[in-house]
Amino acid sequence: MSAKNNPSENCAAFENFKKLDIRVGTVLEAVPARDLHRPAHRLRIDFGSVGVKKSSAQITDRYSAEDLVGMQVVAVVNFPPKQIGKFMSECLVLGIPEAGGVILLTAERTVTNGEKVS
């Protein structure tokens, strides 16, 4: 029986979910990353009490840099930093891959920067 047919074979422990620090932040700056193999935007995101973090996001198919500034996005903020080309990404912006590009996860209403997703 495959994991598709038996979801319990592919279950994560709730304790693993609790280790993730997923928060809402506002994009302060978005700049196209022209030096990467795959098109991306370099983002600076304000997560309130957590601080401002940088991220590289491959979301250029649906979002221009101008569209992103001021948008609230959802991101994992406690992964270790990851080198992306010459850029150090400090958080992972979350989205849903769809035909036509990634759709960002956002809050339905404006919330305080740094609010934790639970």
PDB file of N, CA and C in Angstrom:
ATOM      1  N   MET A   1       0.842  -1.169   0.000  1.00  0.00           N
ATOM      2  CA  MET A   1       0.000   0.000   0.000  1.00  0.00           C
ATOM      3  C   MET A   1       0.891   1.238   0.000  1.00  0.00           C
ATOM      4  N   SER A   2       0.615   2.192  -0.881  1.00  0.00           N
ATOM      5  CA  SER A   2       1.431   3.399  -0.971  1.00  0.00           C
ATOM      6  C   SER A   2       1.036   4.401   0.104  1.00  0.00           C
ATOM      7  N   ALA A   3       1.922   5.390   0.320  1.00  0.00           N
ATOM      8  CA  ALA A   3       1.645   6.438   1.311  1.00  0.00           C
ATOM      9  C   ALA A   3       0.401   7.232   0.933  1.00  0.00           C
ATOM     10  N   LYS A   4       0.098   7.310  -0.367  1.00  0.00           N
ATOM     11  CA  LYS A   4      -1.114   7.999  -0.810  1.00  0.00           C
ATOM     12  C   LYS A   4      -2.359   7.308  -0.280  1.00  0.00           C
ATOM     13  N   ASN A   5      -2.329   5.989  -0.293  1.00  0.00           N
ATOM     14  CA  ASN A   5      -3.477   5.211   0.164  1.00  0.00           C
ATOM     15  C   ASN A   5      -3.523   5.084   1.678  1.00  0.00           C
ATOM     16  N   ASN A   6      -2.388   5.196   2.330  1.00  0.00           N
ATOM     17  CA  ASN A   6      -2.312   5.063   3.780  1.00  0.00           C
ATOM     18  C   ASN A   6      -1.596   6.292   4.348  1.00  0.00           C
ATOM     19  N   PRO A   7      -2.334   7.375   4.629  1.00  0.00           N
ATOM     20  CA  PRO A   7      -1.715   8.615   5.079  1.00  0.00           C
ATOM     21  C   PRO A   7      -0.867   8.463   6.327  1.00  0.00           C
ATOM     22  N   SER A   8      -1.158   7.495   7.174  1.00  0.00           N
ATOM     23  CA  SER A   8      -0.391   7.347   8.412  1.00  0.00           C
ATOM     24  C   SER A   8       1.071   6.990   8.142  1.00  0.00           C
ATOM     25  N   GLU A   9       1.369   6.416   6.978  1.00  0.00           N
ATOM     26  CA  GLU A   9       2.753   6.083   6.631  1.00  0.00           C
ATOM     27  C   GLU A   9       3.581   7.335   6.381  1.00  0.00           C
ATOM     28  N   ASN A  10       2.941   8.453   6.065  1.00  0.00           N
ATOM     29  CA  ASN A  10       3.655   9.680   5.722  1.00  0.00           C
ATOM     30  C   ASN A  10       3.362  10.794   6.731  1.00  0.00           C
ATOM     31  N   CYS A  11       2.971  10.439   7.940  1.00  0.00           N
ATOM     32  CA  CYS A  11       2.603  11.428   8.955  1.00  0.00           C
ATOM     33  C   CYS A  11       3.842  12.006   9.626  1.00  0.00           C
ATOM     34  N   ALA A  12       3.748  13.289   9.934  1.00  0.00           N
ATOM     35  CA  ALA A  12       4.772  13.947  10.729  1.00  0.00           C
ATOM     36  C   ALA A  12       4.246  14.078  12.150  1.00  0.00           C
ATOM     37  N   ALA A  13       5.121  13.967  13.089  1.00  0.00           N
ATOM     38  CA  ALA A  13       4.721  14.135  14.486  1.00  0.00           C
ATOM     39  C   ALA A  13       4.379  15.602  14.725  1.00  0.00           C
ATOM     40  N   PHE A  14       3.365  15.855  15.536  1.00  0.00           N
ATOM     41  CA  PHE A  14       2.970  17.224  15.861  1.00  0.00           C
ATOM     42  C   PHE A  14       4.139  17.988  16.473  1.00  0.00           C
ATOM     43  N   GLU A  15       5.003  17.286  17.179  1.00  0.00           N
ATOM     44  CA  GLU A  15       6.194  17.910  17.771  1.00  0.00           C
ATOM     45  C   GLU A  15       7.087  18.531  16.686  1.00  0.00           C
ATOM     46  N   ASN A  16       7.143  17.906  15.499  1.00  0.00           N
ATOM     47  CA  ASN A  16       7.934  18.474  14.398  1.00  0.00           C
ATOM     48  C   ASN A  16       7.341  19.787  13.923  1.00  0.00           C
ATOM     49  N   PHE A  17       6.016  19.849  13.828  1.00  0.00           N
ATOM     50  CA  PHE A  17       5.348  21.087  13.411  1.00  0.00           C
ATOM     51  C   PHE A  17       5.628  22.196  14.422  1.00  0.00           C
ATOM     52  N   LYS A  18       5.584  21.863  15.698  1.00  0.00           N
ATOM     53  CA  LYS A  18       5.787  22.866  16.744  1.00  0.00           C
ATOM     54  C   LYS A  18       7.192  23.462  16.709  1.00  0.00           C
ATOM     55  N   LYS A  19       8.159  22.748  16.116  1.00  0.00           N
ATOM     56  CA  LYS A  19       9.531  23.261  16.012  1.00  0.00           C
ATOM     57  C   LYS A  19       9.639  24.372  14.969  1.00  0.00           C
ATOM     58  N   LEU A  20       8.716  24.401  14.008  1.00  0.00           N
ATOM     59  CA  LEU A  20       8.756  25.428  12.966  1.00  0.00           C
ATOM     60  C   LEU A  20       8.237  26.750  13.520  1.00  0.00           C
ATOM     61  N   ASP A  21       8.954  27.811  13.243  1.00  0.00           N
ATOM     62  CA  ASP A  21       8.525  29.155  13.632  1.00  0.00           C
ATOM     63  C   ASP A  21       8.031  29.832  12.352  1.00  0.00           C
ATOM     64  N   ILE A  22       6.716  29.804  12.153  1.00  0.00           N
ATOM     65  CA  ILE A  22       6.097  30.345  10.934  1.00  0.00           C
ATOM     66  C   ILE A  22       5.411  31.646  11.320  1.00  0.00           C
ATOM     67  N   ARG A  23       5.794  32.728  10.639  1.00  0.00           N
ATOM     68  CA  ARG A  23       5.297  34.052  11.009  1.00  0.00           C
ATOM     69  C   ARG A  23       4.894  34.860   9.784  1.00  0.00           C
ATOM     70  N   VAL A  24       4.140  35.918  10.061  1.00  0.00           N
ATOM     71  CA  VAL A  24       3.705  36.849   9.023  1.00  0.00           C
ATOM     72  C   VAL A  24       4.610  38.073   9.070  1.00  0.00           C
ATOM     73  N   GLY A  25       5.009  38.533   7.893  1.00  0.00           N
ATOM     74  CA  GLY A  25       5.835  39.731   7.808  1.00  0.00           C
ATOM     75  C   GLY A  25       5.479  40.544   6.579  1.00  0.00           C
ATOM     76  N   THR A  26       5.861  41.798   6.598  1.00  0.00           N
ATOM     77  CA  THR A  26       5.598  42.704   5.476  1.00  0.00           C
ATOM     78  C   THR A  26       6.861  42.900   4.652  1.00  0.00           C
ATOM     79  N   VAL A  27       6.738  42.754   3.335  1.00  0.00           N
ATOM     80  CA  VAL A  27       7.870  42.949   2.430  1.00  0.00           C
ATOM     81  C   VAL A  27       8.203  44.443   2.398  1.00  0.00           C
ATOM     82  N   LEU A  28       9.434  44.765   2.797  1.00  0.00           N
ATOM     83  CA  LEU A  28       9.910  46.148   2.788  1.00  0.00           C
ATOM     84  C   LEU A  28      10.572  46.506   1.459  1.00  0.00           C
ATOM     85  N   GLU A  29      11.237  45.506   0.882  1.00  0.00           N
ATOM     86  CA  GLU A  29      12.005  45.742  -0.342  1.00  0.00           C
ATOM     87  C   GLU A  29      12.019  44.465  -1.173  1.00  0.00           C
ATOM     88  N   ALA A  30      11.903  44.621  -2.470  1.00  0.00           N
ATOM     89  CA  ALA A  30      11.994  43.489  -3.398  1.00  0.00           C
ATOM     90  C   ALA A  30      12.825  43.927  -4.595  1.00  0.00           C
ATOM     91  N   VAL A  31      13.839  43.134  -4.903  1.00  0.00           N
ATOM     92  CA  VAL A  31      14.751  43.458  -5.997  1.00  0.00           C
ATOM     93  C   VAL A  31      14.926  42.212  -6.856  1.00  0.00           C
ATOM     94  N   PRO A  32      14.762  42.331  -8.165  1.00  0.00           N
ATOM     95  CA  PRO A  32      15.004  41.162  -9.023  1.00  0.00           C
ATOM     96  C   PRO A  32      16.453  40.683  -8.886  1.00  0.00           C
ATOM     97  N   ALA A  33      16.634  39.388  -8.735  1.00  0.00           N
ATOM     98  CA  ALA A  33      17.970  38.780  -8.644  1.00  0.00           C
ATOM     99  C   ALA A  33      18.360  38.331 -10.042  1.00  0.00           C
ATOM    100  N   ARG A  34      19.161  39.101 -10.682  1.00  0.00           N
ATOM    101  CA  ARG A  34      19.525  38.823 -12.075  1.00  0.00           C
ATOM    102  C   ARG A  34      20.760  37.922 -12.207  1.00  0.00           C
ATOM    103  N   ASP A  35      21.416  37.621 -11.096  1.00  0.00           N
ATOM    104  CA  ASP A  35      22.653  36.847 -11.140  1.00  0.00           C
ATOM    105  C   ASP A  35      22.442  35.364 -10.822  1.00  0.00           C
ATOM    106  N   LEU A  36      21.192  34.920 -10.765  1.00  0.00           N
ATOM    107  CA  LEU A  36      20.904  33.524 -10.446  1.00  0.00           C
ATOM    108  C   LEU A  36      20.495  32.751 -11.694  1.00  0.00           C
ATOM    109  N   HIS A  37      20.645  31.414 -11.641  1.00  0.00           N
ATOM    110  CA  HIS A  37      20.248  30.562 -12.771  1.00  0.00           C
ATOM    111  C   HIS A  37      18.743  30.599 -12.986  1.00  0.00           C
ATOM    112  N   ARG A  38      17.971  30.599 -11.880  1.00  0.00           N
ATOM    113  CA  ARG A  38      16.515  30.640 -11.966  1.00  0.00           C
ATOM    114  C   ARG A  38      16.046  32.002 -11.484  1.00  0.00           C
ATOM    115  N   PRO A  39      15.146  32.638 -12.202  1.00  0.00           N
ATOM    116  CA  PRO A  39      14.688  33.971 -11.815  1.00  0.00           C
ATOM    117  C   PRO A  39      14.117  33.989 -10.397  1.00  0.00           C
ATOM    118  N   ALA A  40      14.453  35.033  -9.648  1.00  0.00           N
ATOM    119  CA  ALA A  40      13.998  35.164  -8.261  1.00  0.00           C
ATOM    120  C   ALA A  40      13.968  36.635  -7.890  1.00  0.00           C
ATOM    121  N   HIS A  41      13.337  36.913  -6.760  1.00  0.00           N
ATOM    122  CA  HIS A  41      13.380  38.240  -6.153  1.00  0.00           C
ATOM    123  C   HIS A  41      14.104  38.103  -4.820  1.00  0.00           C
ATOM    124  N   ARG A  42      14.916  39.092  -4.514  1.00  0.00           N
ATOM    125  CA  ARG A  42      15.534  39.184  -3.193  1.00  0.00           C
ATOM    126  C   ARG A  42      14.639  40.081  -2.355  1.00  0.00           C
ATOM    127  N   LEU A  43      14.228  39.571  -1.213  1.00  0.00           N
ATOM    128  CA  LEU A  43      13.268  40.287  -0.378  1.00  0.00           C
ATOM    129  C   LEU A  43      13.884  40.653   0.970  1.00  0.00           C
ATOM    130  N   ARG A  44      13.463  41.799   1.500  1.00  0.00           N
ATOM    131  CA  ARG A  44      13.693  42.172   2.906  1.00  0.00           C
ATOM    132  C   ARG A  44      12.316  42.238   3.532  1.00  0.00           C
ATOM    133  N   ILE A  45      12.106  41.447   4.599  1.00  0.00           N
ATOM    134  CA  ILE A  45      10.782  41.285   5.198  1.00  0.00           C
ATOM    135  C   ILE A  45      10.840  41.645   6.676  1.00  0.00           C
ATOM    136  N   ASP A  46       9.901  42.487   7.103  1.00  0.00           N
ATOM    137  CA  ASP A  46       9.816  42.912   8.498  1.00  0.00           C
ATOM    138  C   ASP A  46       8.929  41.940   9.273  1.00  0.00           C
ATOM    139  N   PHE A  47       9.542  41.213  10.218  1.00  0.00           N
ATOM    140  CA  PHE A  47       8.806  40.274  11.057  1.00  0.00           C
ATOM    141  C   PHE A  47       8.626  40.805  12.479  1.00  0.00           C
ATOM    142  N   GLY A  48       8.509  42.116  12.616  1.00  0.00           N
ATOM    143  CA  GLY A  48       8.249  42.726  13.913  1.00  0.00           C
ATOM    144  C   GLY A  48       9.317  42.397  14.928  1.00  0.00           C
ATOM    145  N   SER A  49       8.925  41.792  16.040  1.00  0.00           N
ATOM    146  CA  SER A  49       9.857  41.505  17.134  1.00  0.00           C
ATOM    147  C   SER A  49      10.963  40.531  16.733  1.00  0.00           C
ATOM    148  N   VAL A  50      10.758  39.772  15.671  1.00  0.00           N
ATOM    149  CA  VAL A  50      11.771  38.821  15.182  1.00  0.00           C
ATOM    150  C   VAL A  50      12.845  39.549  14.377  1.00  0.00           C
ATOM    151  N   GLY A  51      12.515  40.726  13.868  1.00  0.00           N
ATOM    152  CA  GLY A  51      13.460  41.526  13.095  1.00  0.00           C
ATOM    153  C   GLY A  51      13.192  41.461  11.600  1.00  0.00           C
ATOM    154  N   VAL A  52      14.080  42.088  10.849  1.00  0.00           N
ATOM    155  CA  VAL A  52      14.010  42.101   9.388  1.00  0.00           C
ATOM    156  C   VAL A  52      14.889  40.976   8.876  1.00  0.00           C
ATOM    157  N   LYS A  53      14.315  40.146   8.003  1.00  0.00           N
ATOM    158  CA  LYS A  53      15.057  39.012   7.443  1.00  0.00           C
ATOM    159  C   LYS A  53      15.048  39.093   5.922  1.00  0.00           C
ATOM    160  N   LYS A  54      16.080  38.495   5.323  1.00  0.00           N
ATOM    161  CA  LYS A  54      16.217  38.445   3.868  1.00  0.00           C
ATOM    162  C   LYS A  54      15.784  37.078   3.350  1.00  0.00           C
ATOM    163  N   SER A  55      15.234  37.082   2.138  1.00  0.00           N
ATOM    164  CA  SER A  55      14.850  35.825   1.506  1.00  0.00           C
ATOM    165  C   SER A  55      15.017  35.946  -0.001  1.00  0.00           C
ATOM    166  N   SER A  56      15.336  34.839  -0.633  1.00  0.00           N
ATOM    167  CA  SER A  56      15.356  34.757  -2.087  1.00  0.00           C
ATOM    168  C   SER A  56      14.175  33.881  -2.483  1.00  0.00           C
ATOM    169  N   ALA A  57      13.283  34.424  -3.311  1.00  0.00           N
ATOM    170  CA  ALA A  57      12.055  33.698  -3.643  1.00  0.00           C
ATOM    171  C   ALA A  57      11.869  33.608  -5.154  1.00  0.00           C
ATOM    172  N   GLN A  58      11.656  32.405  -5.647  1.00  0.00           N
ATOM    173  CA  GLN A  58      11.438  32.177  -7.076  1.00  0.00           C
ATOM    174  C   GLN A  58       9.956  32.358  -7.389  1.00  0.00           C
ATOM    175  N   ILE A  59       9.532  33.608  -7.414  1.00  0.00           N
ATOM    176  CA  ILE A  59       8.114  33.954  -7.574  1.00  0.00           C
ATOM    177  C   ILE A  59       7.915  34.973  -8.694  1.00  0.00           C
ATOM    178  N   THR A  60       8.868  35.056  -9.600  1.00  0.00           N
ATOM    179  CA  THR A  60       8.840  36.106 -10.633  1.00  0.00           C
ATOM    180  C   THR A  60       7.754  35.894 -11.686  1.00  0.00           C
ATOM    181  N   ASP A  61       7.233  34.675 -11.821  1.00  0.00           N
ATOM    182  CA  ASP A  61       6.209  34.425 -12.836  1.00  0.00           C
ATOM    183  C   ASP A  61       4.907  35.165 -12.521  1.00  0.00           C
ATOM    184  N   ARG A  62       4.574  35.304 -11.248  1.00  0.00           N
ATOM    185  CA  ARG A  62       3.309  35.924 -10.839  1.00  0.00           C
ATOM    186  C   ARG A  62       3.463  37.289 -10.184  1.00  0.00           C
ATOM    187  N   TYR A  63       4.662  37.599  -9.673  1.00  0.00           N
ATOM    188  CA  TYR A  63       4.836  38.811  -8.879  1.00  0.00           C
ATOM    189  C   TYR A  63       6.016  39.638  -9.388  1.00  0.00           C
ATOM    190  N   SER A  64       5.747  40.907  -9.660  1.00  0.00           N
ATOM    191  CA  SER A  64       6.842  41.831  -9.958  1.00  0.00           C
ATOM    192  C   SER A  64       7.390  42.325  -8.629  1.00  0.00           C
ATOM    193  N   ALA A  65       8.577  42.872  -8.637  1.00  0.00           N
ATOM    194  CA  ALA A  65       9.167  43.428  -7.417  1.00  0.00           C
ATOM    195  C   ALA A  65       8.249  44.504  -6.840  1.00  0.00           C
ATOM    196  N   GLU A  66       7.672  45.319  -7.697  1.00  0.00           N
ATOM    197  CA  GLU A  66       6.784  46.401  -7.246  1.00  0.00           C
ATOM    198  C   GLU A  66       5.535  45.852  -6.565  1.00  0.00           C
ATOM    199  N   ASP A  67       4.995  44.733  -7.067  1.00  0.00           N
ATOM    200  CA  ASP A  67       3.801  44.115  -6.471  1.00  0.00           C
ATOM    201  C   ASP A  67       4.060  43.652  -5.039  1.00  0.00           C
ATOM    202  N   LEU A  68       5.273  43.247  -4.751  1.00  0.00           N
ATOM    203  CA  LEU A  68       5.588  42.611  -3.480  1.00  0.00           C
ATOM    204  C   LEU A  68       5.751  43.594  -2.323  1.00  0.00           C
ATOM    205  N   VAL A  69       6.232  44.792  -2.609  1.00  0.00           N
ATOM    206  CA  VAL A  69       6.475  45.765  -1.540  1.00  0.00           C
ATOM    207  C   VAL A  69       5.153  46.116  -0.858  1.00  0.00           C
ATOM    208  N   GLY A  70       5.126  45.950   0.466  1.00  0.00           N
ATOM    209  CA  GLY A  70       3.921  46.212   1.250  1.00  0.00           C
ATOM    210  C   GLY A  70       3.054  44.991   1.461  1.00  0.00           C
ATOM    211  N   MET A  71       3.315  43.902   0.737  1.00  0.00           N
ATOM    212  CA  MET A  71       2.518  42.677   0.873  1.00  0.00           C
ATOM    213  C   MET A  71       2.924  41.929   2.142  1.00  0.00           C
ATOM    214  N   GLN A  72       1.942  41.401   2.853  1.00  0.00           N
ATOM    215  CA  GLN A  72       2.246  40.534   3.989  1.00  0.00           C
ATOM    216  C   GLN A  72       2.355  39.100   3.490  1.00  0.00           C
ATOM    217  N   VAL A  73       3.442  38.438   3.869  1.00  0.00           N
ATOM    218  CA  VAL A  73       3.700  37.067   3.444  1.00  0.00           C
ATOM    219  C   VAL A  73       3.903  36.189   4.673  1.00  0.00           C
ATOM    220  N   VAL A  74       3.822  34.888   4.456  1.00  0.00           N
ATOM    221  CA  VAL A  74       4.018  33.902   5.516  1.00  0.00           C
ATOM    222  C   VAL A  74       5.350  33.201   5.237  1.00  0.00           C
ATOM    223  N   ALA A  75       6.164  33.050   6.285  1.00  0.00           N
ATOM    224  CA  ALA A  75       7.489  32.449   6.096  1.00  0.00           C
ATOM    225  C   ALA A  75       7.916  31.675   7.333  1.00  0.00           C
ATOM    226  N   VAL A  76       8.775  30.679   7.103  1.00  0.00           N
ATOM    227  CA  VAL A  76       9.456  29.983   8.196  1.00  0.00           C
ATOM    228  C   VAL A  76      10.684  30.824   8.516  1.00  0.00           C
ATOM    229  N   VAL A  77      10.803  31.249   9.780  1.00  0.00           N
ATOM    230  CA  VAL A  77      11.884  32.166  10.141  1.00  0.00           C
ATOM    231  C   VAL A  77      12.986  31.507  10.970  1.00  0.00           C
ATOM    232  N   ASN A  78      12.869  30.204  11.248  1.00  0.00           N
ATOM    233  CA  ASN A  78      13.903  29.576  12.081  1.00  0.00           C
ATOM    234  C   ASN A  78      14.676  28.461  11.381  1.00  0.00           C
ATOM    235  N   PHE A  79      14.695  28.466  10.052  1.00  0.00           N
ATOM    236  CA  PHE A  79      15.616  27.584   9.348  1.00  0.00           C
ATOM    237  C   PHE A  79      17.001  28.223   9.387  1.00  0.00           C
ATOM    238  N   PRO A  80      18.064  27.427   9.297  1.00  0.00           N
ATOM    239  CA  PRO A  80      19.394  28.041   9.233  1.00  0.00           C
ATOM    240  C   PRO A  80      19.532  28.840   7.936  1.00  0.00           C
ATOM    241  N   PRO A  81      20.325  29.910   7.939  1.00  0.00           N
ATOM    242  CA  PRO A  81      20.534  30.684   6.704  1.00  0.00           C
ATOM    243  C   PRO A  81      21.067  29.780   5.590  1.00  0.00           C
ATOM    244  N   LYS A  82      20.679  30.125   4.349  1.00  0.00           N
ATOM    245  CA  LYS A  82      21.104  29.333   3.190  1.00  0.00           C
ATOM    246  C   LYS A  82      21.684  30.263   2.134  1.00  0.00           C
ATOM    247  N   GLN A  83      22.852  29.903   1.642  1.00  0.00           N
ATOM    248  CA  GLN A  83      23.519  30.693   0.596  1.00  0.00           C
ATOM    249  C   GLN A  83      22.837  30.423  -0.738  1.00  0.00           C
ATOM    250  N   ILE A  84      22.340  31.491  -1.381  1.00  0.00           N
ATOM    251  CA  ILE A  84      21.711  31.402  -2.705  1.00  0.00           C
ATOM    252  C   ILE A  84      22.530  32.313  -3.614  1.00  0.00           C
ATOM    253  N   GLY A  85      23.452  31.741  -4.370  1.00  0.00           N
ATOM    254  CA  GLY A  85      24.362  32.569  -5.159  1.00  0.00           C
ATOM    255  C   GLY A  85      25.208  33.403  -4.219  1.00  0.00           C
ATOM    256  N   LYS A  86      25.206  34.713  -4.413  1.00  0.00           N
ATOM    257  CA  LYS A  86      25.972  35.623  -3.549  1.00  0.00           C
ATOM    258  C   LYS A  86      25.125  36.154  -2.392  1.00  0.00           C
ATOM    259  N   PHE A  87      23.935  35.628  -2.227  1.00  0.00           N
ATOM    260  CA  PHE A  87      22.953  36.154  -1.278  1.00  0.00           C
ATOM    261  C   PHE A  87      22.702  35.141  -0.165  1.00  0.00           C
ATOM    262  N   MET A  88      22.610  35.619   1.077  1.00  0.00           N
ATOM    263  CA  MET A  88      22.314  34.738   2.203  1.00  0.00           C
ATOM    264  C   MET A  88      20.834  34.875   2.555  1.00  0.00           C
ATOM    265  N   SER A  89      20.062  33.813   2.295  1.00  0.00           N
ATOM    266  CA  SER A  89      18.631  33.798   2.598  1.00  0.00           C
ATOM    267  C   SER A  89      18.442  33.380   4.049  1.00  0.00           C
ATOM    268  N   GLU A  90      17.635  34.161   4.795  1.00  0.00           N
ATOM    269  CA  GLU A  90      17.473  33.940   6.232  1.00  0.00           C
ATOM    270  C   GLU A  90      16.103  33.384   6.619  1.00  0.00           C
ATOM    271  N   CYS A  91      15.199  33.278   5.666  1.00  0.00           N
ATOM    272  CA  CYS A  91      13.878  32.712   5.947  1.00  0.00           C
ATOM    273  C   CYS A  91      13.335  32.104   4.658  1.00  0.00           C
ATOM    274  N   LEU A  92      12.311  31.276   4.798  1.00  0.00           N
ATOM    275  CA  LEU A  92      11.707  30.613   3.645  1.00  0.00           C
ATOM    276  C   LEU A  92      10.272  31.104   3.488  1.00  0.00           C
ATOM    277  N   VAL A  93      10.042  31.900   2.441  1.00  0.00           N
ATOM    278  CA  VAL A  93       8.696  32.386   2.139  1.00  0.00           C
ATOM    279  C   VAL A  93       7.892  31.206   1.600  1.00  0.00           C
ATOM    280  N   LEU A  94       6.655  31.057   2.085  1.00  0.00           N
ATOM    281  CA  LEU A  94       5.837  29.903   1.720  1.00  0.00           C
ATOM    282  C   LEU A  94       4.867  30.236   0.594  1.00  0.00           C
ATOM    283  N   GLY A  95       4.696  29.277  -0.299  1.00  0.00           N
ATOM    284  CA  GLY A  95       3.779  29.446  -1.415  1.00  0.00           C
ATOM    285  C   GLY A  95       3.328  28.106  -1.948  1.00  0.00           C
ATOM    286  N   ILE A  96       2.385  28.178  -2.874  1.00  0.00           N
ATOM    287  CA  ILE A  96       1.804  26.993  -3.483  1.00  0.00           C
ATOM    288  C   ILE A  96       2.186  26.974  -4.958  1.00  0.00           C
ATOM    289  N   PRO A  97       2.915  25.938  -5.398  1.00  0.00           N
ATOM    290  CA  PRO A  97       3.266  25.864  -6.820  1.00  0.00           C
ATOM    291  C   PRO A  97       2.030  25.561  -7.656  1.00  0.00           C
ATOM    292  N   GLU A  98       1.793  26.369  -8.654  1.00  0.00           N
ATOM    293  CA  GLU A  98       0.657  26.231  -9.565  1.00  0.00           C
ATOM    294  C   GLU A  98       1.164  26.423 -10.981  1.00  0.00           C
ATOM    295  N   ALA A  99       0.418  25.947 -11.940  1.00  0.00           N
ATOM    296  CA  ALA A  99       0.748  26.259 -13.324  1.00  0.00           C
ATOM    297  C   ALA A  99       0.728  27.780 -13.442  1.00  0.00           C
ATOM    298  N   GLY A 100       1.760  28.344 -13.993  1.00  0.00           N
ATOM    299  CA  GLY A 100       1.838  29.797 -14.106  1.00  0.00           C
ATOM    300  C   GLY A 100       2.647  30.439 -13.002  1.00  0.00           C
ATOM    301  N   GLY A 101       3.126  29.660 -12.028  1.00  0.00           N
ATOM    302  CA  GLY A 101       3.987  30.199 -10.991  1.00  0.00           C
ATOM    303  C   GLY A 101       3.459  30.004  -9.587  1.00  0.00           C
ATOM    304  N   VAL A 102       4.301  30.304  -8.623  1.00  0.00           N
ATOM    305  CA  VAL A 102       3.979  30.124  -7.211  1.00  0.00           C
ATOM    306  C   VAL A 102       2.985  31.188  -6.754  1.00  0.00           C
ATOM    307  N   ILE A 103       2.003  30.759  -5.947  1.00  0.00           N
ATOM    308  CA  ILE A 103       1.053  31.674  -5.310  1.00  0.00           C
ATOM    309  C   ILE A 103       1.469  31.778  -3.848  1.00  0.00           C
ATOM    310  N   LEU A 104       1.790  32.984  -3.398  1.00  0.00           N
ATOM    311  CA  LEU A 104       2.262  33.193  -2.033  1.00  0.00           C
ATOM    312  C   LEU A 104       1.158  32.966  -1.008  1.00  0.00           C
ATOM    313  N   LEU A 105       1.548  32.439   0.146  1.00  0.00           N
ATOM    314  CA  LEU A 105       0.630  32.354   1.275  1.00  0.00           C
ATOM    315  C   LEU A 105       0.636  33.713   1.969  1.00  0.00           C
ATOM    316  N   THR A 106      -0.541  34.246   2.211  1.00  0.00           N
ATOM    317  CA  THR A 106      -0.690  35.548   2.844  1.00  0.00           C
ATOM    318  C   THR A 106      -1.779  35.460   3.902  1.00  0.00           C
ATOM    319  N   ALA A 107      -1.854  36.487   4.735  1.00  0.00           N
ATOM    320  CA  ALA A 107      -2.937  36.564   5.718  1.00  0.00           C
ATOM    321  C   ALA A 107      -4.173  37.129   5.028  1.00  0.00           C
ATOM    322  N   GLU A 108      -5.342  36.650   5.423  1.00  0.00           N
ATOM    323  CA  GLU A 108      -6.597  37.134   4.835  1.00  0.00           C
ATOM    324  C   GLU A 108      -6.807  38.614   5.139  1.00  0.00           C
ATOM    325  N   ARG A 109      -6.404  39.032   6.330  1.00  0.00           N
ATOM    326  CA  ARG A 109      -6.509  40.426   6.755  1.00  0.00           C
ATOM    327  C   ARG A 109      -5.145  40.878   7.239  1.00  0.00           C
ATOM    328  N   THR A 110      -4.924  42.173   7.302  1.00  0.00           N
ATOM    329  CA  THR A 110      -3.665  42.706   7.806  1.00  0.00           C
ATOM    330  C   THR A 110      -3.516  42.345   9.282  1.00  0.00           C
ATOM    331  N   VAL A 111      -2.354  41.825   9.624  1.00  0.00           N
ATOM    332  CA  VAL A 111      -2.039  41.457  11.000  1.00  0.00           C
ATOM    333  C   VAL A 111      -0.735  42.122  11.411  1.00  0.00           C
ATOM    334  N   THR A 112      -0.446  42.085  12.692  1.00  0.00           N
ATOM    335  CA  THR A 112       0.797  42.649  13.210  1.00  0.00           C
ATOM    336  C   THR A 112       1.971  41.836  12.698  1.00  0.00           C
ATOM    337  N   ASN A 113       3.008  42.519  12.194  1.00  0.00           N
ATOM    338  CA  ASN A 113       4.206  41.825  11.741  1.00  0.00           C
ATOM    339  C   ASN A 113       4.779  40.990  12.875  1.00  0.00           C
ATOM    340  N   GLY A 114       5.171  39.769  12.550  1.00  0.00           N
ATOM    341  CA  GLY A 114       5.760  38.864  13.524  1.00  0.00           C
ATOM    342  C   GLY A 114       4.765  37.933  14.183  1.00  0.00           C
ATOM    343  N   GLU A 115       3.468  38.108  13.880  1.00  0.00           N
ATOM    344  CA  GLU A 115       2.478  37.192  14.469  1.00  0.00           C
ATOM    345  C   GLU A 115       2.806  35.769  14.035  1.00  0.00           C
ATOM    346  N   LYS A 116       2.680  34.857  14.968  1.00  0.00           N
ATOM    347  CA  LYS A 116       3.038  33.456  14.730  1.00  0.00           C
ATOM    348  C   LYS A 116       1.837  32.696  14.183  1.00  0.00           C
ATOM    349  N   VAL A 117       2.088  31.862  13.190  1.00  0.00           N
ATOM    350  CA  VAL A 117       1.063  30.986  12.631  1.00  0.00           C
ATOM    351  C   VAL A 117       0.965  29.766  13.541  1.00  0.00           C
ATOM    352  N   SER A 118      -0.253  29.417  13.896  1.00  0.00           N
ATOM    353  CA  SER A 118      -0.414  28.244  14.760  1.00  0.00           C
ATOM    354  C   SER A 118      -1.550  27.367  14.250  1.00  0.00           C
TER     355      SER A 118
END
